[in-house]
Amino acid sequence: RKYAGVRIGLDAVELKNDYLRALTIDSAAAKEIRVFGLLEW
């Protein structure tokens, strides 16, 4: 229960990770990621 409380408290950070994960497989973003060399960043 305590561990879940910590985990729940990090929802905002996890949503950010979800966004970044989706960004890496998004075809629209893929063009700019490659053209501007954003992959390493």
Full PDB file with SEQRES, HELIX, SHEET, SSBOND, CRYST1, ORIGX, SCALE, CONECT and MASTER records, all heavy atoms in Angstrom:
SEQRES   1 A   41  ARG LYS TYR ALA GLY VAL ARG ILE GLY LEU ASP ALA VAL          
SEQRES   2 A   41  GLU LEU LYS ASN ASP TYR LEU ARG ALA LEU THR ILE ASP          
SEQRES   3 A   41  SER ALA ALA ALA LYS GLU ILE ARG VAL PHE GLY LEU LEU          
SEQRES   4 A   41  GLU TRP                                                      
HELIX    1 AA1 LYS A    2  GLY A    9  1                                   8    
HELIX    2 AA2 ASP A   11  THR A   24  1                                  14    
HELIX    3 AA3 SER A   27  VAL A   35  1                                   9    
CRYST1    1.000    1.000    1.000  90.00  90.00  90.00 P 1           1          
ORIGX1      1.000000  0.000000  0.000000        0.00000                         
ORIGX2      0.000000  1.000000  0.000000        0.00000                         
ORIGX3      0.000000  0.000000  1.000000        0.00000                         
SCALE1      1.000000  0.000000  0.000000        0.00000                         
SCALE2      0.000000  1.000000  0.000000        0.00000                         
SCALE3      0.000000  0.000000  1.000000        0.00000                         
ATOM      1  N   ARG A   1       0.826  -1.197   0.000  1.00  0.00           N  
ATOM      2  CA  ARG A   1       0.000   0.000   0.000  1.00  0.00           C  
ATOM      3  C   ARG A   1       0.872   1.263   0.000  1.00  0.00           C  
ATOM      4  O   ARG A   1       0.608   2.223  -0.711  1.00  0.00           O  
ATOM      5  CB  ARG A   1      -0.935  -0.010   1.211  1.00  0.00           C  
ATOM      6  CG  ARG A   1      -1.982   1.095   1.183  1.00  0.00           C  
ATOM      7  CD  ARG A   1      -2.931   0.983   2.363  1.00  0.00           C  
ATOM      8  NE  ARG A   1      -3.727  -0.222   2.297  1.00  0.00           N  
ATOM      9  CZ  ARG A   1      -3.541  -1.285   3.090  1.00  0.00           C  
ATOM     10  NH1 ARG A   1      -2.599  -1.266   4.022  1.00  0.00           N  
ATOM     11  NH2 ARG A   1      -4.287  -2.346   2.974  1.00  0.00           N  
ATOM     12  N   LYS A   2       1.939   1.250   0.810  1.00  0.00           N  
ATOM     13  CA  LYS A   2       2.850   2.403   0.843  1.00  0.00           C  
ATOM     14  C   LYS A   2       3.568   2.556  -0.500  1.00  0.00           C  
ATOM     15  O   LYS A   2       3.727   3.669  -1.012  1.00  0.00           O  
ATOM     16  CB  LYS A   2       3.868   2.231   1.965  1.00  0.00           C  
ATOM     17  CG  LYS A   2       3.270   2.266   3.361  1.00  0.00           C  
ATOM     18  CD  LYS A   2       4.327   1.961   4.407  1.00  0.00           C  
ATOM     19  CE  LYS A   2       3.714   1.889   5.799  1.00  0.00           C  
ATOM     20  NZ  LYS A   2       4.712   1.490   6.817  1.00  0.00           N  
ATOM     21  N   TYR A   3       3.987   1.424  -1.039  1.00  0.00           N  
ATOM     22  CA  TYR A   3       4.689   1.462  -2.327  1.00  0.00           C  
ATOM     23  C   TYR A   3       3.755   1.976  -3.423  1.00  0.00           C  
ATOM     24  O   TYR A   3       4.150   2.768  -4.280  1.00  0.00           O  
ATOM     25  CB  TYR A   3       5.186   0.057  -2.665  1.00  0.00           C  
ATOM     26  CG  TYR A   3       5.995  -0.035  -3.934  1.00  0.00           C  
ATOM     27  CD1 TYR A   3       7.299   0.452  -3.990  1.00  0.00           C  
ATOM     28  CD2 TYR A   3       5.461  -0.624  -5.071  1.00  0.00           C  
ATOM     29  CE1 TYR A   3       8.041   0.363  -5.150  1.00  0.00           C  
ATOM     30  CE2 TYR A   3       6.191  -0.722  -6.237  1.00  0.00           C  
ATOM     31  CZ  TYR A   3       7.487  -0.225  -6.280  1.00  0.00           C  
ATOM     32  OH  TYR A   3       8.214  -0.307  -7.427  1.00  0.00           O  
ATOM     33  N   ALA A   4       2.487   1.523  -3.376  1.00  0.00           N  
ATOM     34  CA  ALA A   4       1.513   1.986  -4.360  1.00  0.00           C  
ATOM     35  C   ALA A   4       1.279   3.480  -4.219  1.00  0.00           C  
ATOM     36  O   ALA A   4       1.093   4.190  -5.210  1.00  0.00           O  
ATOM     37  CB  ALA A   4       0.196   1.226  -4.198  1.00  0.00           C  
ATOM     38  N   GLY A   5       1.298   3.987  -2.963  1.00  0.00           N  
ATOM     39  CA  GLY A   5       1.128   5.412  -2.751  1.00  0.00           C  
ATOM     40  C   GLY A   5       2.232   6.216  -3.409  1.00  0.00           C  
ATOM     41  O   GLY A   5       1.985   7.265  -4.017  1.00  0.00           O  
ATOM     42  N   VAL A   6       3.479   5.717  -3.291  1.00  0.00           N  
ATOM     43  CA  VAL A   6       4.605   6.388  -3.955  1.00  0.00           C  
ATOM     44  C   VAL A   6       4.422   6.333  -5.463  1.00  0.00           C  
ATOM     45  O   VAL A   6       4.622   7.322  -6.177  1.00  0.00           O  
ATOM     46  CB  VAL A   6       5.939   5.738  -3.543  1.00  0.00           C  
ATOM     47  CG1 VAL A   6       7.098   6.353  -4.320  1.00  0.00           C  
ATOM     48  CG2 VAL A   6       6.162   5.883  -2.045  1.00  0.00           C  
ATOM     49  N   ARG A   7       4.040   5.177  -5.947  1.00  0.00           N  
ATOM     50  CA  ARG A   7       3.838   4.965  -7.383  1.00  0.00           C  
ATOM     51  C   ARG A   7       2.741   5.894  -7.924  1.00  0.00           C  
ATOM     52  O   ARG A   7       2.879   6.512  -8.971  1.00  0.00           O  
ATOM     53  CB  ARG A   7       3.482   3.488  -7.586  1.00  0.00           C  
ATOM     54  CG  ARG A   7       2.846   3.114  -8.892  1.00  0.00           C  
ATOM     55  CD  ARG A   7       3.831   3.078 -10.015  1.00  0.00           C  
ATOM     56  NE  ARG A   7       3.249   2.464 -11.167  1.00  0.00           N  
ATOM     57  CZ  ARG A   7       2.271   2.995 -11.910  1.00  0.00           C  
ATOM     58  NH1 ARG A   7       1.781   4.166 -11.599  1.00  0.00           N  
ATOM     59  NH2 ARG A   7       1.807   2.362 -12.955  1.00  0.00           N  
ATOM     60  N   ILE A   8       1.649   6.000  -7.188  1.00  0.00           N  
ATOM     61  CA  ILE A   8       0.541   6.856  -7.610  1.00  0.00           C  
ATOM     62  C   ILE A   8       0.961   8.320  -7.605  1.00  0.00           C  
ATOM     63  O   ILE A   8       0.554   9.103  -8.460  1.00  0.00           O  
ATOM     64  CB  ILE A   8      -0.678   6.616  -6.703  1.00  0.00           C  
ATOM     65  CG1 ILE A   8      -1.258   5.217  -6.969  1.00  0.00           C  
ATOM     66  CG2 ILE A   8      -1.744   7.689  -6.910  1.00  0.00           C  
ATOM     67  CD1 ILE A   8      -2.269   4.769  -5.938  1.00  0.00           C  
ATOM     68  N   GLY A   9       1.791   8.675  -6.634  1.00  0.00           N  
ATOM     69  CA  GLY A   9       2.258  10.056  -6.553  1.00  0.00           C  
ATOM     70  C   GLY A   9       3.126  10.469  -7.723  1.00  0.00           C  
ATOM     71  O   GLY A   9       3.390  11.663  -7.912  1.00  0.00           O  
ATOM     72  N   LEU A  10       3.592   9.502  -8.513  1.00  0.00           N  
ATOM     73  CA  LEU A  10       4.445   9.793  -9.671  1.00  0.00           C  
ATOM     74  C   LEU A  10       3.665   9.727 -10.982  1.00  0.00           C  
ATOM     75  O   LEU A  10       4.246   9.556 -12.054  1.00  0.00           O  
ATOM     76  CB  LEU A  10       5.613   8.799  -9.710  1.00  0.00           C  
ATOM     77  CG  LEU A  10       6.604   8.904  -8.548  1.00  0.00           C  
ATOM     78  CD1 LEU A  10       7.544   7.707  -8.547  1.00  0.00           C  
ATOM     79  CD2 LEU A  10       7.396  10.200  -8.638  1.00  0.00           C  
ATOM     80  N   ASP A  11       2.326   9.857 -10.900  1.00  0.00           N  
ATOM     81  CA  ASP A  11       1.488   9.779 -12.098  1.00  0.00           C  
ATOM     82  C   ASP A  11       1.903  10.774 -13.170  1.00  0.00           C  
ATOM     83  O   ASP A  11       1.961  10.450 -14.356  1.00  0.00           O  
ATOM     84  CB  ASP A  11       0.019  10.018 -11.731  1.00  0.00           C  
ATOM     85  CG  ASP A  11      -0.702   8.718 -11.414  1.00  0.00           C  
ATOM     86  OD1 ASP A  11      -0.158   7.653 -11.735  1.00  0.00           O  
ATOM     87  OD2 ASP A  11      -1.797   8.776 -10.832  1.00  0.00           O  
ATOM     88  N   ALA A  12       2.173  12.012 -12.752  1.00  0.00           N  
ATOM     89  CA  ALA A  12       2.505  13.040 -13.739  1.00  0.00           C  
ATOM     90  C   ALA A  12       3.775  12.689 -14.498  1.00  0.00           C  
ATOM     91  O   ALA A  12       3.866  12.880 -15.719  1.00  0.00           O  
ATOM     92  CB  ALA A  12       2.653  14.395 -13.044  1.00  0.00           C  
ATOM     93  N   VAL A  13       4.770  12.143 -13.776  1.00  0.00           N  
ATOM     94  CA  VAL A  13       6.020  11.751 -14.417  1.00  0.00           C  
ATOM     95  C   VAL A  13       5.770  10.582 -15.371  1.00  0.00           C  
ATOM     96  O   VAL A  13       6.333  10.523 -16.469  1.00  0.00           O  
ATOM     97  CB  VAL A  13       7.077  11.376 -13.363  1.00  0.00           C  
ATOM     98  CG1 VAL A  13       8.398  10.992 -14.035  1.00  0.00           C  
ATOM     99  CG2 VAL A  13       7.293  12.530 -12.400  1.00  0.00           C  
ATOM    100  N   GLU A  14       4.910   9.655 -14.963  1.00  0.00           N  
ATOM    101  CA  GLU A  14       4.637   8.501 -15.815  1.00  0.00           C  
ATOM    102  C   GLU A  14       3.887   8.922 -17.079  1.00  0.00           C  
ATOM    103  O   GLU A  14       4.126   8.383 -18.165  1.00  0.00           O  
ATOM    104  CB  GLU A  14       3.842   7.453 -15.051  1.00  0.00           C  
ATOM    105  CG  GLU A  14       3.685   6.160 -15.824  1.00  0.00           C  
ATOM    106  CD  GLU A  14       3.132   5.034 -14.981  1.00  0.00           C  
ATOM    107  OE1 GLU A  14       2.757   5.275 -13.822  1.00  0.00           O  
ATOM    108  OE2 GLU A  14       3.073   3.897 -15.489  1.00  0.00           O  
ATOM    109  N   LEU A  15       2.969   9.872 -16.947  1.00  0.00           N  
ATOM    110  CA  LEU A  15       2.275  10.374 -18.129  1.00  0.00           C  
ATOM    111  C   LEU A  15       3.267  10.995 -19.118  1.00  0.00           C  
ATOM    112  O   LEU A  15       3.120  10.865 -20.333  1.00  0.00           O  
ATOM    113  CB  LEU A  15       1.221  11.401 -17.724  1.00  0.00           C  
ATOM    114  CG  LEU A  15      -0.064  10.852 -17.105  1.00  0.00           C  
ATOM    115  CD1 LEU A  15      -0.935  11.989 -16.599  1.00  0.00           C  
ATOM    116  CD2 LEU A  15      -0.830   9.995 -18.095  1.00  0.00           C  
ATOM    117  N   LYS A  16       4.290  11.662 -18.579  1.00  0.00           N  
ATOM    118  CA  LYS A  16       5.323  12.241 -19.439  1.00  0.00           C  
ATOM    119  C   LYS A  16       6.082  11.138 -20.169  1.00  0.00           C  
ATOM    120  O   LYS A  16       6.377  11.250 -21.365  1.00  0.00           O  
ATOM    121  CB  LYS A  16       6.277  13.079 -18.590  1.00  0.00           C  
ATOM    122  CG  LYS A  16       7.310  13.857 -19.391  1.00  0.00           C  
ATOM    123  CD  LYS A  16       8.130  14.749 -18.472  1.00  0.00           C  
ATOM    124  CE  LYS A  16       9.117  15.604 -19.259  1.00  0.00           C  
ATOM    125  NZ  LYS A  16       9.898  16.489 -18.362  1.00  0.00           N  
ATOM    126  N   ASN A  17       6.397  10.062 -19.458  1.00  0.00           N  
ATOM    127  CA  ASN A  17       7.073   8.930 -20.102  1.00  0.00           C  
ATOM    128  C   ASN A  17       6.184   8.287 -21.164  1.00  0.00           C  
ATOM    129  O   ASN A  17       6.667   7.856 -22.211  1.00  0.00           O  
ATOM    130  CB  ASN A  17       7.473   7.890 -19.050  1.00  0.00           C  
ATOM    131  CG  ASN A  17       8.672   8.328 -18.240  1.00  0.00           C  
ATOM    132  OD1 ASN A  17       9.590   8.945 -18.751  1.00  0.00           O  
ATOM    133  ND2 ASN A  17       8.665   8.033 -16.954  1.00  0.00           N  
ATOM    134  N   ASP A  18       4.876   8.211 -20.883  1.00  0.00           N  
ATOM    135  CA  ASP A  18       3.946   7.677 -21.871  1.00  0.00           C  
ATOM    136  C   ASP A  18       3.968   8.534 -23.146  1.00  0.00           C  
ATOM    137  O   ASP A  18       3.943   8.015 -24.262  1.00  0.00           O  
ATOM    138  CB  ASP A  18       2.523   7.644 -21.303  1.00  0.00           C  
ATOM    139  CG  ASP A  18       2.359   6.588 -20.223  1.00  0.00           C  
ATOM    140  OD1 ASP A  18       3.237   5.706 -20.118  1.00  0.00           O  
ATOM    141  OD2 ASP A  18       1.358   6.650 -19.488  1.00  0.00           O  
ATOM    142  N   TYR A  19       4.017   9.848 -22.951  1.00  0.00           N  
ATOM    143  CA  TYR A  19       4.062  10.752 -24.098  1.00  0.00           C  
ATOM    144  C   TYR A  19       5.337  10.530 -24.917  1.00  0.00           C  
ATOM    145  O   TYR A  19       5.302  10.457 -26.152  1.00  0.00           O  
ATOM    146  CB  TYR A  19       3.988  12.205 -23.620  1.00  0.00           C  
ATOM    147  CG  TYR A  19       4.446  13.198 -24.668  1.00  0.00           C  
ATOM    148  CD1 TYR A  19       3.656  13.498 -25.769  1.00  0.00           C  
ATOM    149  CD2 TYR A  19       5.704  13.820 -24.557  1.00  0.00           C  
ATOM    150  CE1 TYR A  19       4.088  14.394 -26.731  1.00  0.00           C  
ATOM    151  CE2 TYR A  19       6.134  14.718 -25.517  1.00  0.00           C  
ATOM    152  CZ  TYR A  19       5.326  14.997 -26.603  1.00  0.00           C  
ATOM    153  OH  TYR A  19       5.765  15.872 -27.552  1.00  0.00           O  
ATOM    154  N   LEU A  20       6.478  10.422 -24.228  1.00  0.00           N  
ATOM    155  CA  LEU A  20       7.744  10.235 -24.931  1.00  0.00           C  
ATOM    156  C   LEU A  20       7.772   8.895 -25.655  1.00  0.00           C  
ATOM    157  O   LEU A  20       8.299   8.782 -26.773  1.00  0.00           O  
ATOM    158  CB  LEU A  20       8.912  10.340 -23.947  1.00  0.00           C  
ATOM    159  CG  LEU A  20       9.146  11.726 -23.350  1.00  0.00           C  
ATOM    160  CD1 LEU A  20      10.197  11.661 -22.250  1.00  0.00           C  
ATOM    161  CD2 LEU A  20       9.565  12.718 -24.429  1.00  0.00           C  
ATOM    162  N   ARG A  21       7.203   7.876 -25.040  1.00  0.00           N  
ATOM    163  CA  ARG A  21       7.147   6.562 -25.681  1.00  0.00           C  
ATOM    164  C   ARG A  21       6.318   6.644 -26.963  1.00  0.00           C  
ATOM    165  O   ARG A  21       6.699   6.102 -28.008  1.00  0.00           O  
ATOM    166  CB  ARG A  21       6.559   5.535 -24.717  1.00  0.00           C  
ATOM    167  CG  ARG A  21       6.547   4.111 -25.271  1.00  0.00           C  
ATOM    168  CD  ARG A  21       5.879   3.135 -24.311  1.00  0.00           C  
ATOM    169  NE  ARG A  21       6.556   3.110 -23.027  1.00  0.00           N  
ATOM    170  CZ  ARG A  21       6.053   3.618 -21.901  1.00  0.00           C  
ATOM    171  NH1 ARG A  21       4.870   4.206 -21.910  1.00  0.00           N  
ATOM    172  NH2 ARG A  21       6.729   3.538 -20.770  1.00  0.00           N  
ATOM    173  N   ALA A  22       5.158   7.320 -26.872  1.00  0.00           N  
ATOM    174  CA  ALA A  22       4.305   7.466 -28.053  1.00  0.00           C  
ATOM    175  C   ALA A  22       4.989   8.312 -29.124  1.00  0.00           C  
ATOM    176  O   ALA A  22       4.842   8.054 -30.322  1.00  0.00           O  
ATOM    177  CB  ALA A  22       2.968   8.089 -27.649  1.00  0.00           C  
ATOM    178  N   LEU A  23       5.760   9.309 -28.688  1.00  0.00           N  
ATOM    179  CA  LEU A  23       6.439  10.191 -29.632  1.00  0.00           C  
ATOM    180  C   LEU A  23       7.446   9.425 -30.480  1.00  0.00           C  
ATOM    181  O   LEU A  23       7.610   9.700 -31.674  1.00  0.00           O  
ATOM    182  CB  LEU A  23       7.141  11.313 -28.868  1.00  0.00           C  
ATOM    183  CG  LEU A  23       7.741  12.447 -29.698  1.00  0.00           C  
ATOM    184  CD1 LEU A  23       6.638  13.233 -30.395  1.00  0.00           C  
ATOM    185  CD2 LEU A  23       8.568  13.372 -28.802  1.00  0.00           C  
ATOM    186  N   THR A  24       8.111   8.456 -29.895  1.00  0.00           N  
ATOM    187  CA  THR A  24       9.154   7.723 -30.620  1.00  0.00           C  
ATOM    188  C   THR A  24       8.592   6.835 -31.724  1.00  0.00           C  
ATOM    189  O   THR A  24       9.329   6.432 -32.619  1.00  0.00           O  
ATOM    190  CB  THR A  24       9.980   6.857 -29.652  1.00  0.00           C  
ATOM    191  OG1 THR A  24       9.113   5.917 -28.996  1.00  0.00           O  
ATOM    192  CG2 THR A  24      10.671   7.718 -28.615  1.00  0.00           C  
ATOM    193  N   ILE A  25       7.305   6.512 -31.654  1.00  0.00           N  
ATOM    194  CA  ILE A  25       6.714   5.640 -32.674  1.00  0.00           C  
ATOM    195  C   ILE A  25       5.687   6.388 -33.514  1.00  0.00           C  
ATOM    196  O   ILE A  25       4.963   5.777 -34.296  1.00  0.00           O  
ATOM    197  CB  ILE A  25       6.062   4.390 -32.043  1.00  0.00           C  
ATOM    198  CG1 ILE A  25       4.955   4.785 -31.056  1.00  0.00           C  
ATOM    199  CG2 ILE A  25       7.101   3.530 -31.350  1.00  0.00           C  
ATOM    200  CD1 ILE A  25       4.199   3.596 -30.487  1.00  0.00           C  
ATOM    201  N   ASP A  26       5.601   7.707 -33.337  1.00  0.00           N  
ATOM    202  CA  ASP A  26       4.651   8.509 -34.096  1.00  0.00           C  
ATOM    203  C   ASP A  26       5.260   8.859 -35.451  1.00  0.00           C  
ATOM    204  O   ASP A  26       6.362   9.412 -35.523  1.00  0.00           O  
ATOM    205  CB  ASP A  26       4.308   9.780 -33.320  1.00  0.00           C  
ATOM    206  CG  ASP A  26       3.330  10.652 -34.080  1.00  0.00           C  
ATOM    207  OD1 ASP A  26       2.181  10.221 -34.256  1.00  0.00           O  
ATOM    208  OD2 ASP A  26       3.732  11.749 -34.502  1.00  0.00           O  
ATOM    209  N   SER A  27       4.528   8.554 -36.513  1.00  0.00           N  
ATOM    210  CA  SER A  27       5.076   8.774 -37.856  1.00  0.00           C  
ATOM    211  C   SER A  27       5.270  10.252 -38.151  1.00  0.00           C  
ATOM    212  O   SER A  27       6.214  10.637 -38.848  1.00  0.00           O  
ATOM    213  CB  SER A  27       4.146   8.149 -38.901  1.00  0.00           C  
ATOM    214  OG  SER A  27       2.850   8.721 -38.830  1.00  0.00           O  
ATOM    215  N   ALA A  28       4.378  11.111 -37.631  1.00  0.00           N  
ATOM    216  CA  ALA A  28       4.519  12.547 -37.891  1.00  0.00           C  
ATOM    217  C   ALA A  28       5.780  13.093 -37.232  1.00  0.00           C  
ATOM    218  O   ALA A  28       6.538  13.859 -37.843  1.00  0.00           O  
ATOM    219  CB  ALA A  28       3.282  13.287 -37.375  1.00  0.00           C  
ATOM    220  N   ALA A  29       6.034  12.693 -35.970  1.00  0.00           N  
ATOM    221  CA  ALA A  29       7.233  13.167 -35.278  1.00  0.00           C  
ATOM    222  C   ALA A  29       8.491  12.525 -35.844  1.00  0.00           C  
ATOM    223  O   ALA A  29       9.583  13.111 -35.773  1.00  0.00           O  
ATOM    224  CB  ALA A  29       7.125  12.875 -33.785  1.00  0.00           C  
ATOM    225  N   ALA A  30       8.358  11.313 -36.395  1.00  0.00           N  
ATOM    226  CA  ALA A  30       9.534  10.594 -36.890  1.00  0.00           C  
ATOM    227  C   ALA A  30      10.286  11.398 -37.948  1.00  0.00           C  
ATOM    228  O   ALA A  30      11.517  11.343 -38.021  1.00  0.00           O  
ATOM    229  CB  ALA A  30       9.108   9.238 -37.453  1.00  0.00           C  
ATOM    230  N   LYS A  31       9.556  12.157 -38.753  1.00  0.00           N  
ATOM    231  CA  LYS A  31      10.216  12.925 -39.815  1.00  0.00           C  
ATOM    232  C   LYS A  31      11.158  13.963 -39.213  1.00  0.00           C  
ATOM    233  O   LYS A  31      12.325  14.060 -39.600  1.00  0.00           O  
ATOM    234  CB  LYS A  31       9.158  13.587 -40.696  1.00  0.00           C  
ATOM    235  CG  LYS A  31       8.251  12.619 -41.447  1.00  0.00           C  
ATOM    236  CD  LYS A  31       7.409  13.322 -42.473  1.00  0.00           C  
ATOM    237  CE  LYS A  31       6.332  14.201 -41.851  1.00  0.00           C  
ATOM    238  NZ  LYS A  31       5.278  13.440 -41.183  1.00  0.00           N  
ATOM    239  N   GLU A  32      10.660  14.754 -38.274  1.00  0.00           N  
ATOM    240  CA  GLU A  32      11.499  15.800 -37.692  1.00  0.00           C  
ATOM    241  C   GLU A  32      12.602  15.220 -36.811  1.00  0.00           C  
ATOM    242  O   GLU A  32      13.711  15.757 -36.761  1.00  0.00           O  
ATOM    243  CB  GLU A  32      10.632  16.766 -36.879  1.00  0.00           C  
ATOM    244  CG  GLU A  32       9.719  17.612 -37.735  1.00  0.00           C  
ATOM    245  CD  GLU A  32       9.164  18.799 -36.969  1.00  0.00           C  
ATOM    246  OE1 GLU A  32       9.570  18.990 -35.808  1.00  0.00           O  
ATOM    247  OE2 GLU A  32       8.337  19.531 -37.550  1.00  0.00           O  
ATOM    248  N   ILE A  33      12.309  14.127 -36.109  1.00  0.00           N  
ATOM    249  CA  ILE A  33      13.333  13.505 -35.264  1.00  0.00           C  
ATOM    250  C   ILE A  33      14.540  13.116 -36.098  1.00  0.00           C  
ATOM    251  O   ILE A  33      15.695  13.298 -35.685  1.00  0.00           O  
ATOM    252  CB  ILE A  33      12.746  12.280 -34.532  1.00  0.00           C  
ATOM    253  CG1 ILE A  33      11.755  12.746 -33.454  1.00  0.00           C  
ATOM    254  CG2 ILE A  33      13.854  11.442 -33.894  1.00  0.00           C  
ATOM    255  CD1 ILE A  33      10.998  11.611 -32.798  1.00  0.00           C  
ATOM    256  N   ARG A  34      14.289  12.627 -37.308  1.00  0.00           N  
ATOM    257  CA  ARG A  34      15.392  12.203 -38.168  1.00  0.00           C  
ATOM    258  C   ARG A  34      16.042  13.374 -38.891  1.00  0.00           C  
ATOM    259  O   ARG A  34      17.271  13.473 -38.969  1.00  0.00           O  
ATOM    260  CB  ARG A  34      14.878  11.161 -39.167  1.00  0.00           C  
ATOM    261  CG  ARG A  34      14.670   9.795 -38.520  1.00  0.00           C  
ATOM    262  CD  ARG A  34      13.675   8.924 -39.281  1.00  0.00           C  
ATOM    263  NE  ARG A  34      13.566   7.604 -38.679  1.00  0.00           N  
ATOM    264  CZ  ARG A  34      12.883   7.357 -37.553  1.00  0.00           C  
ATOM    265  NH1 ARG A  34      12.275   8.344 -36.920  1.00  0.00           N  
ATOM    266  NH2 ARG A  34      12.821   6.130 -37.073  1.00  0.00           N  
ATOM    267  N   VAL A  35      15.216  14.281 -39.399  1.00  0.00           N  
ATOM    268  CA  VAL A  35      15.772  15.406 -40.155  1.00  0.00           C  
ATOM    269  C   VAL A  35      16.624  16.299 -39.266  1.00  0.00           C  
ATOM    270  O   VAL A  35      17.700  16.758 -39.656  1.00  0.00           O  
ATOM    271  CB  VAL A  35      14.632  16.215 -40.813  1.00  0.00           C  
ATOM    272  CG1 VAL A  35      15.168  17.526 -41.395  1.00  0.00           C  
ATOM    273  CG2 VAL A  35      13.970  15.392 -41.908  1.00  0.00           C  
ATOM    274  N   PHE A  36      16.167  16.570 -38.049  1.00  0.00           N  
ATOM    275  CA  PHE A  36      16.890  17.465 -37.149  1.00  0.00           C  
ATOM    276  C   PHE A  36      17.871  16.731 -36.237  1.00  0.00           C  
ATOM    277  O   PHE A  36      18.483  17.342 -35.355  1.00  0.00           O  
ATOM    278  CB  PHE A  36      15.901  18.262 -36.293  1.00  0.00           C  
ATOM    279  CG  PHE A  36      15.061  19.221 -37.091  1.00  0.00           C  
ATOM    280  CD1 PHE A  36      13.681  19.132 -37.083  1.00  0.00           C  
ATOM    281  CD2 PHE A  36      15.653  20.205 -37.866  1.00  0.00           C  
ATOM    282  CE1 PHE A  36      12.902  20.006 -37.815  1.00  0.00           C  
ATOM    283  CE2 PHE A  36      14.882  21.087 -38.602  1.00  0.00           C  
ATOM    284  CZ  PHE A  36      13.502  20.990 -38.586  1.00  0.00           C  
ATOM    285  N   GLY A  37      18.006  15.410 -36.430  1.00  0.00           N  
ATOM    286  CA  GLY A  37      18.968  14.656 -35.635  1.00  0.00           C  
ATOM    287  C   GLY A  37      18.646  14.638 -34.153  1.00  0.00           C  
ATOM    288  O   GLY A  37      19.539  14.783 -33.309  1.00  0.00           O  
ATOM    289  N   LEU A  38      17.371  14.460 -33.804  1.00  0.00           N  
ATOM    290  CA  LEU A  38      16.937  14.524 -32.403  1.00  0.00           C  
ATOM    291  C   LEU A  38      16.990  13.185 -31.683  1.00  0.00           C  
ATOM    292  O   LEU A  38      16.670  13.117 -30.490  1.00  0.00           O  
ATOM    293  CB  LEU A  38      15.493  15.058 -32.343  1.00  0.00           C  
ATOM    294  CG  LEU A  38      15.250  16.451 -32.924  1.00  0.00           C  
ATOM    295  CD1 LEU A  38      13.765  16.795 -32.853  1.00  0.00           C  
ATOM    296  CD2 LEU A  38      16.080  17.484 -32.182  1.00  0.00           C  
ATOM    297  N   LEU A  39      17.393  12.130 -32.393  1.00  0.00           N  
ATOM    298  CA  LEU A  39      17.288  10.800 -31.809  1.00  0.00           C  
ATOM    299  C   LEU A  39      18.113  10.661 -30.529  1.00  0.00           C  
ATOM    300  O   LEU A  39      17.620  10.177 -29.500  1.00  0.00           O  
ATOM    301  CB  LEU A  39      17.724   9.750 -32.836  1.00  0.00           C  
ATOM    302  CG  LEU A  39      17.515   8.285 -32.408  1.00  0.00           C  
ATOM    303  CD1 LEU A  39      16.053   8.014 -32.097  1.00  0.00           C  
ATOM    304  CD2 LEU A  39      18.014   7.347 -33.494  1.00  0.00           C  
ATOM    305  N   GLU A  40      19.368  11.082 -30.566  1.00  0.00           N  
ATOM    306  CA  GLU A  40      20.223  10.950 -29.380  1.00  0.00           C  
ATOM    307  C   GLU A  40      19.698  11.804 -28.230  1.00  0.00           C  
ATOM    308  O   GLU A  40      19.670  11.376 -27.080  1.00  0.00           O  
ATOM    309  CB  GLU A  40      21.666  11.341 -29.719  1.00  0.00           C  
ATOM    310  CG  GLU A  40      22.393  10.354 -30.608  1.00  0.00           C  
ATOM    311  CD  GLU A  40      22.481   8.971 -29.967  1.00  0.00           C  
ATOM    312  OE1 GLU A  40      22.684   8.900 -28.729  1.00  0.00           O  
ATOM    313  OE2 GLU A  40      22.324   7.977 -30.687  1.00  0.00           O  
ATOM    314  N   TRP A  41      19.293  13.035 -28.565  1.00  0.00           N  
ATOM    315  CA  TRP A  41      18.750  13.903 -27.508  1.00  0.00           C  
ATOM    316  C   TRP A  41      17.505  13.292 -26.904  1.00  0.00           C  
ATOM    317  O   TRP A  41      17.334  13.281 -25.679  1.00  0.00           O  
ATOM    318  CB  TRP A  41      18.401  15.272 -28.092  1.00  0.00           C  
ATOM    319  CG  TRP A  41      17.721  16.158 -27.071  1.00  0.00           C  
ATOM    320  CD1 TRP A  41      18.306  16.970 -26.172  1.00  0.00           C  
ATOM    321  CD2 TRP A  41      16.310  16.265 -26.864  1.00  0.00           C  
ATOM    322  NE1 TRP A  41      17.356  17.588 -25.397  1.00  0.00           N  
ATOM    323  CE2 TRP A  41      16.114  17.178 -25.800  1.00  0.00           C  
ATOM    324  CE3 TRP A  41      15.182  15.684 -27.463  1.00  0.00           C  
ATOM    325  CZ2 TRP A  41      14.852  17.517 -25.329  1.00  0.00           C  
ATOM    326  CZ3 TRP A  41      13.926  16.032 -26.982  1.00  0.00           C  
ATOM    327  CH2 TRP A  41      13.772  16.933 -25.941  1.00  0.00           C  
TER     328      TRP A  41                                                      
MASTER        0    0    0    3    0    0    0    6  327    1    0    4          
END                                                                             
